[in-house]
C-alpha atoms as a PDB file:
ATOM      1  CA  MET A   1     -24.074  50.746 -34.737  1.00  0.00           C
ATOM      2  CA  ASP A   2     -23.258  53.851 -32.467  1.00  0.00           C
ATOM      3  CA  ARG A   3     -20.801  55.547 -32.821  1.00  0.00           C
ATOM      4  CA  ASN A   4     -20.266  55.909 -29.426  1.00  0.00           C
ATOM      5  CA  MET A   5     -20.056  52.661 -28.653  1.00  0.00           C
ATOM      6  CA  MET A   6     -16.789  51.573 -31.278  1.00  0.00           C
ATOM      7  CA  LEU A   7     -13.363  51.924 -30.268  1.00  0.00           C
ATOM      8  CA  THR A   8      -9.991  53.212 -32.561  1.00  0.00           C
ATOM      9  CA  VAL A   9      -7.887  50.739 -33.130  1.00  0.00           C
ATOM     10  CA  ASP A  10      -5.664  53.217 -31.120  1.00  0.00           C
ATOM     11  CA  GLU A  11      -8.119  54.121 -28.020  1.00  0.00           C
ATOM     12  CA  TYR A  12      -8.021  50.013 -27.944  1.00  0.00           C
ATOM     13  CA  MET A  13      -4.844  49.413 -27.482  1.00  0.00           C
ATOM     14  CA  ALA A  14      -4.377  52.884 -24.992  1.00  0.00           C
ATOM     15  CA  LEU A  15      -7.516  51.039 -22.932  1.00  0.00           C
ATOM     16  CA  ARG A  16      -5.063  47.424 -22.672  1.00  0.00           C
ATOM     17  CA  ARG A  17      -2.100  49.324 -21.961  1.00  0.00           C
ATOM     18  CA  LEU A  18      -3.801  50.518 -19.147  1.00  0.00           C
ATOM     19  CA  ILE A  19      -5.537  47.636 -17.539  1.00  0.00           C
ATOM     20  CA  ASP A  20      -1.945  45.848 -18.149  1.00  0.00           C
ATOM     21  CA  SER A  21      -0.201  48.311 -15.966  1.00  0.00           C
ATOM     22  CA  GLU A  22      -3.051  48.093 -12.924  1.00  0.00           C
ATOM     23  CA  ARG A  23      -2.618  44.709 -13.301  1.00  0.00           C
ATOM     24  CA  GLU A  24       1.046  44.976 -12.446  1.00  0.00           C
ATOM     25  CA  SER A  25       0.701  47.199 -10.071  1.00  0.00           C
ATOM     26  CA  GLU A  26      -2.100  44.737  -8.454  1.00  0.00           C
ATOM     27  CA  GLY A  27       0.312  42.226  -8.935  1.00  0.00           C
ATOM     28  CA  SER A  28       3.961  43.670  -7.000  1.00  0.00           C
ATOM     29  CA  THR A  29       1.688  44.899  -3.927  1.00  0.00           C
ATOM     30  CA  LEU A  30      -0.558  41.213  -3.706  1.00  0.00           C
ATOM     31  CA  SER A  31       3.401  39.263  -3.689  1.00  0.00           C
ATOM     32  CA  GLN A  32       4.847  41.916  -1.430  1.00  0.00           C
ATOM     33  CA  GLU A  33       2.605  41.408   1.523  1.00  0.00           C
ATOM     34  CA  ALA A  34       2.328  37.623   0.960  1.00  0.00           C
ATOM     35  CA  PRO A  35       3.608  35.841   4.036  1.00  0.00           C
ATOM     36  CA  LYS A  36       6.595  33.263   4.365  1.00  0.00           C
ATOM     37  CA  ARG A  37       4.880  29.035   5.220  1.00  0.00           C
ATOM     38  CA  VAL A  38       5.635  28.249   8.168  1.00  0.00           C
ATOM     39  CA  ARG A  39       6.309  24.528   8.187  1.00  0.00           C
ATOM     40  CA  LYS A  40       5.554  22.720  11.391  1.00  0.00           C
ATOM     41  CA  LYS A  41       9.207  19.841  12.576  1.00  0.00           C
ATOM     42  CA  THR A  42       8.809  16.861  11.317  1.00  0.00           C
ATOM     43  CA  SER A  43       9.083  14.207  14.929  1.00  0.00           C
ATOM     44  CA  ALA A  44      11.571  11.615  15.228  1.00  0.00           C
ATOM     45  CA  TYR A  45       9.541   9.441  14.259  1.00  0.00           C
ATOM     46  CA  SER A  46       8.529  10.578  11.373  1.00  0.00           C
ATOM     47  CA  ARG A  47      11.610  10.395  10.167  1.00  0.00           C
ATOM     48  CA  LYS A  48      12.115   7.346  10.926  1.00  0.00           C
ATOM     49  CA  TYR A  49       9.072   5.825   9.359  1.00  0.00           C
ATOM     50  CA  ARG A  50       9.777   7.815   5.888  1.00  0.00           C
ATOM     51  CA  ALA A  51      13.316   6.118   5.482  1.00  0.00           C
ATOM     52  CA  ALA A  52      11.689   2.848   6.414  1.00  0.00           C
ATOM     53  CA  PHE A  53       9.046   3.196   4.093  1.00  0.00           C
ATOM     54  CA  ARG A  54      11.251   4.525   1.128  1.00  0.00           C
ATOM     55  CA  LYS A  55      13.281   1.237   2.280  1.00  0.00           C
ATOM     56  CA  VAL A  56      10.289  -0.729   2.218  1.00  0.00           C
ATOM     57  CA  ALA A  57       8.322   0.435  -0.846  1.00  0.00           C
ATOM     58  CA  PRO A  58      10.522  -1.681  -3.441  1.00  0.00           C
ATOM     59  CA  LYS A  59       9.152  -5.310  -1.867  1.00  0.00           C
ATOM     60  CA  TYR A  60       5.645  -4.648  -2.316  1.00  0.00           C
ATOM     61  CA  LYS A  61       5.961  -3.038  -5.893  1.00  0.00           C
ATOM     62  CA  LEU A  62       5.854  -4.629  -9.558  1.00  0.00           C
ATOM     63  CA  LYS A  63       8.114  -4.217 -12.536  1.00  0.00           C
ATOM     64  CA  ASN A  64       6.188  -0.774 -14.222  1.00  0.00           C
ATOM     65  CA  GLY A  65       6.601   0.554 -10.685  1.00  0.00           C
ATOM     66  CA  LYS A  66       2.706   0.430  -9.421  1.00  0.00           C
ATOM     67  CA  TRP A  67       1.551  -0.794  -6.120  1.00  0.00           C
ATOM     68  CA  LYS A  68       0.593  -4.824  -6.401  1.00  0.00           C
ATOM     69  CA  ALA A  69      -2.617  -5.336  -5.038  1.00  0.00           C
ATOM     70  CA  GLY A  70      -3.225  -4.584  -1.028  1.00  0.00           C
ATOM     71  CA  GLY A  71       1.224  -3.621  -1.714  1.00  0.00           C
ATOM     72  CA  PHE A  72       0.682   0.603  -0.233  1.00  0.00           C
ATOM     73  CA  ARG A  73      -0.888  -1.395   3.246  1.00  0.00           C
ATOM     74  CA  THR A  74       1.176  -3.929   3.464  1.00  0.00           C
ATOM     75  CA  ALA A  75       4.302  -1.829   3.463  1.00  0.00           C
ATOM     76  CA  VAL A  76       2.557   1.502   5.447  1.00  0.00           C
ATOM     77  CA  ARG A  77       2.631  -1.219   8.164  1.00  0.00           C
ATOM     78  CA  ALA A  78       5.818  -2.715   7.233  1.00  0.00           C
ATOM     79  CA  ALA A  79       7.194   0.408   7.910  1.00  0.00           C
ATOM     80  CA  HIS A  80       5.873   1.533  10.781  1.00  0.00           C
ATOM     81  CA  ARG A  81       6.527  -2.169  12.194  1.00  0.00           C
ATOM     82  CA  LEU A  82      10.517  -0.826  11.310  1.00  0.00           C
ATOM     83  CA  ALA A  83      10.119   2.655  12.383  1.00  0.00           C
ATOM     84  CA  LYS A  84       9.578   1.256  16.027  1.00  0.00           C
ATOM     85  CA  LYS A  85      12.253  -0.703  15.965  1.00  0.00           C
END
């Protein structure tokens, strides 16, 4: 092999340190520029539906926690009925 293509251990380690320091500086600037995520305000109906679904869901599940056949669909409908009241 040609000597120009081979690196000594010291040269290799110096190159690795250079690459790592470059990544760190890029990462720090990227993390500062990231915008904060703005969430939408949940509606009153959505909050009622969530509470109703959590209340109704266990009735449509098996003992091991899996949904019964058609249970999820039925639970959604039941939760909507409760939330509308």
